[in-house]
Amino acid sequence: MTKNKHKYEIIIYWSEEDNSYIAEVPELAGCMADGQTYSETVSNVETIIDEWIETAKALGRAIPKPKGKLSYS
């Protein structure tokens, strides 16, 4: 079972070019992961979210609060 401790929106799609699933976290600039299966991709992106937040803290950068559903203007 996925721990899902973060509330950031995650967009997951299949990439023919990469022959894998790609996960993007729009609220965290540059935060992406991939995987061969959907569940592997979810697990990988949760790890990358943790690492993104740890790095931002270490660099003294602001960490956005999760907004949930992405808003389009």
PDB file of N, CA and C in Angstrom:
ATOM      1  N   MET A   1       0.845  -1.170   0.000  1.00  0.00           N
ATOM      2  CA  MET A   1       0.000   0.000   0.000  1.00  0.00           C
ATOM      3  C   MET A   1       0.893   1.236   0.000  1.00  0.00           C
ATOM      4  N   THR A   2       0.475   2.262  -0.720  1.00  0.00           N
ATOM      5  CA  THR A   2       1.216   3.507  -0.814  1.00  0.00           C
ATOM      6  C   THR A   2       1.000   4.331   0.438  1.00  0.00           C
ATOM      7  N   LYS A   3       2.071   4.931   0.921  1.00  0.00           N
ATOM      8  CA  LYS A   3       1.962   5.723   2.139  1.00  0.00           C
ATOM      9  C   LYS A   3       1.269   7.053   1.909  1.00  0.00           C
ATOM     10  N   ASN A   4       1.422   7.658   0.720  1.00  0.00           N
ATOM     11  CA  ASN A   4       0.723   8.877   0.328  1.00  0.00           C
ATOM     12  C   ASN A   4       0.725   9.934   1.421  1.00  0.00           C
ATOM     13  N   LYS A   5       1.898  10.251   1.952  1.00  0.00           N
ATOM     14  CA  LYS A   5       1.975  11.228   3.027  1.00  0.00           C
ATOM     15  C   LYS A   5       1.960  12.660   2.523  1.00  0.00           C
ATOM     16  N   HIS A   6       2.237  12.850   1.235  1.00  0.00           N
ATOM     17  CA  HIS A   6       2.214  14.191   0.659  1.00  0.00           C
ATOM     18  C   HIS A   6       0.897  14.408  -0.071  1.00  0.00           C
ATOM     19  N   LYS A   7       0.464  15.638  -0.119  1.00  0.00           N
ATOM     20  CA  LYS A   7      -0.816  15.963  -0.746  1.00  0.00           C
ATOM     21  C   LYS A   7      -0.642  16.729  -2.053  1.00  0.00           C
ATOM     22  N   TYR A   8       0.546  16.673  -2.633  1.00  0.00           N
ATOM     23  CA  TYR A   8       0.783  17.357  -3.897  1.00  0.00           C
ATOM     24  C   TYR A   8       0.131  16.604  -5.050  1.00  0.00           C
ATOM     25  N   GLU A   9      -0.362  17.367  -6.015  1.00  0.00           N
ATOM     26  CA  GLU A   9      -0.927  16.755  -7.206  1.00  0.00           C
ATOM     27  C   GLU A   9       0.187  16.066  -7.989  1.00  0.00           C
ATOM     28  N   ILE A  10      -0.086  14.870  -8.463  1.00  0.00           N
ATOM     29  CA  ILE A  10       0.866  14.102  -9.274  1.00  0.00           C
ATOM     30  C   ILE A  10       0.176  13.766 -10.590  1.00  0.00           C
ATOM     31  N   ILE A  11       0.832  14.106 -11.692  1.00  0.00           N
ATOM     32  CA  ILE A  11       0.317  13.773 -13.015  1.00  0.00           C
ATOM     33  C   ILE A  11       1.159  12.625 -13.548  1.00  0.00           C
ATOM     34  N   ILE A  12       0.498  11.519 -13.918  1.00  0.00           N
ATOM     35  CA  ILE A  12       1.206  10.338 -14.412  1.00  0.00           C
ATOM     36  C   ILE A  12       0.713  10.033 -15.821  1.00  0.00           C
ATOM     37  N   TYR A  13       1.651   9.806 -16.720  1.00  0.00           N
ATOM     38  CA  TYR A  13       1.308   9.474 -18.096  1.00  0.00           C
ATOM     39  C   TYR A  13       2.329   8.506 -18.669  1.00  0.00           C
ATOM     40  N   TRP A  14       1.934   7.814 -19.740  1.00  0.00           N
ATOM     41  CA  TRP A  14       2.820   6.879 -20.426  1.00  0.00           C
ATOM     42  C   TRP A  14       3.603   7.631 -21.481  1.00  0.00           C
ATOM     43  N   SER A  15       4.904   7.411 -21.541  1.00  0.00           N
ATOM     44  CA  SER A  15       5.766   8.012 -22.554  1.00  0.00           C
ATOM     45  C   SER A  15       6.258   6.933 -23.500  1.00  0.00           C
ATOM     46  N   GLU A  16       5.790   6.981 -24.746  1.00  0.00           N
ATOM     47  CA  GLU A  16       6.258   6.033 -25.758  1.00  0.00           C
ATOM     48  C   GLU A  16       7.758   6.213 -25.987  1.00  0.00           C
ATOM     49  N   GLU A  17       8.191   7.478 -26.011  1.00  0.00           N
ATOM     50  CA  GLU A  17       9.601   7.794 -26.261  1.00  0.00           C
ATOM     51  C   GLU A  17      10.519   7.154 -25.220  1.00  0.00           C
ATOM     52  N   ASP A  18      10.099   7.220 -23.956  1.00  0.00           N
ATOM     53  CA  ASP A  18      10.907   6.670 -22.864  1.00  0.00           C
ATOM     54  C   ASP A  18      10.546   5.223 -22.545  1.00  0.00           C
ATOM     55  N   ASN A  19       9.430   4.747 -23.109  1.00  0.00           N
ATOM     56  CA  ASN A  19       8.930   3.404 -22.836  1.00  0.00           C
ATOM     57  C   ASN A  19       8.741   3.177 -21.333  1.00  0.00           C
ATOM     58  N   SER A  20       8.184   4.195 -20.687  1.00  0.00           N
ATOM     59  CA  SER A  20       7.927   4.107 -19.253  1.00  0.00           C
ATOM     60  C   SER A  20       6.867   5.124 -18.857  1.00  0.00           C
ATOM     61  N   TYR A  21       6.368   4.962 -17.629  1.00  0.00           N
ATOM     62  CA  TYR A  21       5.458   5.949 -17.064  1.00  0.00           C
ATOM     63  C   TYR A  21       6.287   7.121 -16.555  1.00  0.00           C
ATOM     64  N   ILE A  22       5.736   8.318 -16.665  1.00  0.00           N
ATOM     65  CA  ILE A  22       6.383   9.525 -16.169  1.00  0.00           C
ATOM     66  C   ILE A  22       5.433  10.157 -15.159  1.00  0.00           C
ATOM     67  N   ALA A  23       5.972  10.598 -14.031  1.00  0.00           N
ATOM     68  CA  ALA A  23       5.188  11.301 -13.016  1.00  0.00           C
ATOM     69  C   ALA A  23       5.778  12.692 -12.833  1.00  0.00           C
ATOM     70  N   GLU A  24       4.910  13.693 -12.882  1.00  0.00           N
ATOM     71  CA  GLU A  24       5.321  15.078 -12.663  1.00  0.00           C
ATOM     72  C   GLU A  24       4.547  15.646 -11.481  1.00  0.00           C
ATOM     73  N   VAL A  25       5.221  16.499 -10.715  1.00  0.00           N
ATOM     74  CA  VAL A  25       4.599  17.178  -9.579  1.00  0.00           C
ATOM     75  C   VAL A  25       4.626  18.669  -9.909  1.00  0.00           C
ATOM     76  N   PRO A  26       3.543  19.202 -10.499  1.00  0.00           N
ATOM     77  CA  PRO A  26       3.545  20.573 -10.997  1.00  0.00           C
ATOM     78  C   PRO A  26       3.876  21.638  -9.947  1.00  0.00           C
ATOM     79  N   GLU A  27       3.516  21.408  -8.702  1.00  0.00           N
ATOM     80  CA  GLU A  27       3.745  22.410  -7.654  1.00  0.00           C
ATOM     81  C   GLU A  27       5.197  22.467  -7.178  1.00  0.00           C
ATOM     82  N   LEU A  28       5.998  21.460  -7.525  1.00  0.00           N
ATOM     83  CA  LEU A  28       7.407  21.417  -7.122  1.00  0.00           C
ATOM     84  C   LEU A  28       8.256  21.439  -8.391  1.00  0.00           C
ATOM     85  N   ALA A  29       8.798  22.587  -8.720  1.00  0.00           N
ATOM     86  CA  ALA A  29       9.529  22.791  -9.974  1.00  0.00           C
ATOM     87  C   ALA A  29      10.578  21.708 -10.212  1.00  0.00           C
ATOM     88  N   GLY A  30      10.481  21.065 -11.367  1.00  0.00           N
ATOM     89  CA  GLY A  30      11.456  20.051 -11.758  1.00  0.00           C
ATOM     90  C   GLY A  30      11.311  18.708 -11.077  1.00  0.00           C
ATOM     91  N   CYS A  31      10.272  18.530 -10.281  1.00  0.00           N
ATOM     92  CA  CYS A  31      10.083  17.286  -9.539  1.00  0.00           C
ATOM     93  C   CYS A  31       9.383  16.262 -10.432  1.00  0.00           C
ATOM     94  N   MET A  32      10.156  15.248 -10.866  1.00  0.00           N
ATOM     95  CA  MET A  32       9.654  14.221 -11.774  1.00  0.00           C
ATOM     96  C   MET A  32      10.277  12.880 -11.426  1.00  0.00           C
ATOM     97  N   ALA A  33       9.601  11.816 -11.832  1.00  0.00           N
ATOM     98  CA  ALA A  33      10.138  10.462 -11.664  1.00  0.00           C
ATOM     99  C   ALA A  33       9.566   9.599 -12.786  1.00  0.00           C
ATOM    100  N   ASP A  34      10.132   8.414 -12.939  1.00  0.00           N
ATOM    101  CA  ASP A  34       9.612   7.484 -13.932  1.00  0.00           C
ATOM    102  C   ASP A  34       9.591   6.081 -13.355  1.00  0.00           C
ATOM    103  N   GLY A  35       9.037   5.150 -14.127  1.00  0.00           N
ATOM    104  CA  GLY A  35       8.990   3.763 -13.696  1.00  0.00           C
ATOM    105  C   GLY A  35       8.420   2.890 -14.798  1.00  0.00           C
ATOM    106  N   GLN A  36       8.667   1.599 -14.701  1.00  0.00           N
ATOM    107  CA  GLN A  36       8.185   0.647 -15.695  1.00  0.00           C
ATOM    108  C   GLN A  36       6.725   0.265 -15.469  1.00  0.00           C
ATOM    109  N   THR A  37       6.243   0.401 -14.230  1.00  0.00           N
ATOM    110  CA  THR A  37       4.837   0.136 -13.931  1.00  0.00           C
ATOM    111  C   THR A  37       4.258   1.374 -13.250  1.00  0.00           C
ATOM    112  N   TYR A  38       2.930   1.442 -13.238  1.00  0.00           N
ATOM    113  CA  TYR A  38       2.253   2.569 -12.604  1.00  0.00           C
ATOM    114  C   TYR A  38       2.614   2.647 -11.113  1.00  0.00           C
ATOM    115  N   SER A  39       2.530   1.521 -10.417  1.00  0.00           N
ATOM    116  CA  SER A  39       2.805   1.524  -8.974  1.00  0.00           C
ATOM    117  C   SER A  39       4.269   1.839  -8.676  1.00  0.00           C
ATOM    118  N   GLU A  40       5.179   1.369  -9.515  1.00  0.00           N
ATOM    119  CA  GLU A  40       6.592   1.706  -9.336  1.00  0.00           C
ATOM    120  C   GLU A  40       6.796   3.209  -9.512  1.00  0.00           C
ATOM    121  N   THR A  41       6.095   3.795 -10.466  1.00  0.00           N
ATOM    122  CA  THR A  41       6.208   5.225 -10.723  1.00  0.00           C
ATOM    123  C   THR A  41       5.705   6.031  -9.532  1.00  0.00           C
ATOM    124  N   VAL A  42       4.586   5.626  -8.958  1.00  0.00           N
ATOM    125  CA  VAL A  42       4.042   6.307  -7.780  1.00  0.00           C
ATOM    126  C   VAL A  42       5.039   6.222  -6.621  1.00  0.00           C
ATOM    127  N   SER A  43       5.588   5.059  -6.382  1.00  0.00           N
ATOM    128  CA  SER A  43       6.573   4.883  -5.317  1.00  0.00           C
ATOM    129  C   SER A  43       7.804   5.761  -5.565  1.00  0.00           C
ATOM    130  N   ASN A  44       8.287   5.766  -6.803  1.00  0.00           N
ATOM    131  CA  ASN A  44       9.464   6.569  -7.136  1.00  0.00           C
ATOM    132  C   ASN A  44       9.206   8.060  -6.953  1.00  0.00           C
ATOM    133  N   VAL A  45       8.043   8.532  -7.380  1.00  0.00           N
ATOM    134  CA  VAL A  45       7.778   9.970  -7.265  1.00  0.00           C
ATOM    135  C   VAL A  45       7.609  10.371  -5.797  1.00  0.00           C
ATOM    136  N   GLU A  46       7.082   9.503  -4.957  1.00  0.00           N
ATOM    137  CA  GLU A  46       6.991   9.828  -3.529  1.00  0.00           C
ATOM    138  C   GLU A  46       8.387   9.981  -2.925  1.00  0.00           C
ATOM    139  N   THR A  47       9.312   9.140  -3.341  1.00  0.00           N
ATOM    140  CA  THR A  47      10.706   9.270  -2.881  1.00  0.00           C
ATOM    141  C   THR A  47      11.307  10.577  -3.365  1.00  0.00           C
ATOM    142  N   ILE A  48      11.047  10.922  -4.631  1.00  0.00           N
ATOM    143  CA  ILE A  48      11.593  12.150  -5.201  1.00  0.00           C
ATOM    144  C   ILE A  48      10.992  13.379  -4.524  1.00  0.00           C
ATOM    145  N   ILE A  49       9.714  13.337  -4.167  1.00  0.00           N
ATOM    146  CA  ILE A  49       9.096  14.446  -3.428  1.00  0.00           C
ATOM    147  C   ILE A  49       9.828  14.640  -2.104  1.00  0.00           C
ATOM    148  N   ASP A  50      10.082  13.546  -1.384  1.00  0.00           N
ATOM    149  CA  ASP A  50      10.834  13.632  -0.115  1.00  0.00           C
ATOM    150  C   ASP A  50      12.196  14.281  -0.344  1.00  0.00           C
ATOM    151  N   GLU A  51      12.902  13.840  -1.382  1.00  0.00           N
ATOM    152  CA  GLU A  51      14.231  14.375  -1.665  1.00  0.00           C
ATOM    153  C   GLU A  51      14.164  15.836  -2.091  1.00  0.00           C
ATOM    154  N   TRP A  52      13.152  16.208  -2.855  1.00  0.00           N
ATOM    155  CA  TRP A  52      12.972  17.594  -3.286  1.00  0.00           C
ATOM    156  C   TRP A  52      12.806  18.497  -2.061  1.00  0.00           C
ATOM    157  N   ILE A  53      11.948  18.057  -1.136  1.00  0.00           N
ATOM    158  CA  ILE A  53      11.689  18.847   0.078  1.00  0.00           C
ATOM    159  C   ILE A  53      12.942  18.929   0.946  1.00  0.00           C
ATOM    160  N   GLU A  54      13.650  17.821   1.125  1.00  0.00           N
ATOM    161  CA  GLU A  54      14.898  17.826   1.912  1.00  0.00           C
ATOM    162  C   GLU A  54      15.922  18.786   1.314  1.00  0.00           C
ATOM    163  N   THR A  55      16.056  18.767  -0.006  1.00  0.00           N
ATOM    164  CA  THR A  55      17.014  19.643  -0.685  1.00  0.00           C
ATOM    165  C   THR A  55      16.606  21.105  -0.529  1.00  0.00           C
ATOM    166  N   ALA A  56      15.326  21.391  -0.711  1.00  0.00           N
ATOM    167  CA  ALA A  56      14.843  22.763  -0.556  1.00  0.00           C
ATOM    168  C   ALA A  56      15.112  23.277   0.859  1.00  0.00           C
ATOM    169  N   LYS A  57      14.860  22.443   1.868  1.00  0.00           N
ATOM    170  CA  LYS A  57      15.133  22.833   3.256  1.00  0.00           C
ATOM    171  C   LYS A  57      16.619  23.114   3.453  1.00  0.00           C
ATOM    172  N   ALA A  58      17.468  22.236   2.927  1.00  0.00           N
ATOM    173  CA  ALA A  58      18.912  22.395   3.080  1.00  0.00           C
ATOM    174  C   ALA A  58      19.411  23.672   2.414  1.00  0.00           C
ATOM    175  N   LEU A  59      18.762  24.087   1.328  1.00  0.00           N
ATOM    176  CA  LEU A  59      19.167  25.298   0.610  1.00  0.00           C
ATOM    177  C   LEU A  59      18.441  26.545   1.111  1.00  0.00           C
ATOM    178  N   GLY A  60      17.556  26.361   2.081  1.00  0.00           N
ATOM    179  CA  GLY A  60      16.805  27.491   2.639  1.00  0.00           C
ATOM    180  C   GLY A  60      15.731  28.025   1.708  1.00  0.00           C
ATOM    181  N   ARG A  61      15.266  27.192   0.794  1.00  0.00           N
ATOM    182  CA  ARG A  61      14.232  27.608  -0.157  1.00  0.00           C
ATOM    183  C   ARG A  61      12.837  27.335   0.396  1.00  0.00           C
ATOM    184  N   ALA A  62      11.901  28.129  -0.076  1.00  0.00           N
ATOM    185  CA  ALA A  62      10.502  27.960   0.341  1.00  0.00           C
ATOM    186  C   ALA A  62       9.940  26.653  -0.216  1.00  0.00           C
ATOM    187  N   ILE A  63       9.112  26.010   0.578  1.00  0.00           N
ATOM    188  CA  ILE A  63       8.447  24.777   0.158  1.00  0.00           C
ATOM    189  C   ILE A  63       6.963  25.106   0.006  1.00  0.00           C
ATOM    190  N   PRO A  64       6.465  25.022  -1.229  1.00  0.00           N
ATOM    191  CA  PRO A  64       5.055  25.361  -1.445  1.00  0.00           C
ATOM    192  C   PRO A  64       4.118  24.435  -0.670  1.00  0.00           C
ATOM    193  N   LYS A  65       3.032  25.001  -0.180  1.00  0.00           N
ATOM    194  CA  LYS A  65       1.999  24.172   0.455  1.00  0.00           C
ATOM    195  C   LYS A  65       1.198  23.505  -0.663  1.00  0.00           C
ATOM    196  N   PRO A  66       0.816  22.250  -0.472  1.00  0.00           N
ATOM    197  CA  PRO A  66       0.021  21.575  -1.499  1.00  0.00           C
ATOM    198  C   PRO A  66      -1.304  22.292  -1.725  1.00  0.00           C
ATOM    199  N   LYS A  67      -1.642  22.501  -2.989  1.00  0.00           N
ATOM    200  CA  LYS A  67      -2.913  23.169  -3.329  1.00  0.00           C
ATOM    201  C   LYS A  67      -3.971  22.170  -3.757  1.00  0.00           C
ATOM    202  N   GLY A  68      -3.550  20.943  -4.040  1.00  0.00           N
ATOM    203  CA  GLY A  68      -4.517  19.966  -4.512  1.00  0.00           C
ATOM    204  C   GLY A  68      -4.742  20.103  -5.990  1.00  0.00           C
ATOM    205  N   LYS A  69      -5.969  20.102  -6.403  1.00  0.00           N
ATOM    206  CA  LYS A  69      -6.306  20.138  -7.838  1.00  0.00           C
ATOM    207  C   LYS A  69      -5.692  21.359  -8.505  1.00  0.00           C
ATOM    208  N   LEU A  70      -5.010  21.098  -9.607  1.00  0.00           N
ATOM    209  CA  LEU A  70      -4.352  22.150 -10.361  1.00  0.00           C
ATOM    210  C   LEU A  70      -5.378  23.100 -10.956  1.00  0.00           C
ATOM    211  N   SER A  71      -5.124  24.391 -10.827  1.00  0.00           N
ATOM    212  CA  SER A  71      -6.011  25.402 -11.397  1.00  0.00           C
ATOM    213  C   SER A  71      -5.436  25.915 -12.696  1.00  0.00           C
ATOM    214  N   TYR A  72      -6.279  26.066 -13.666  1.00  0.00           N
ATOM    215  CA  TYR A  72      -5.860  26.602 -14.958  1.00  0.00           C
ATOM    216  C   TYR A  72      -6.468  27.981 -15.139  1.00  0.00           C
ATOM    217  N   SER A  73      -5.688  28.904 -15.697  1.00  0.00           N
ATOM    218  CA  SER A  73      -6.237  30.241 -15.925  1.00  0.00           C
ATOM    219  C   SER A  73      -6.286  30.565 -17.393  1.00  0.00           C
TER     220      SER A  73
END
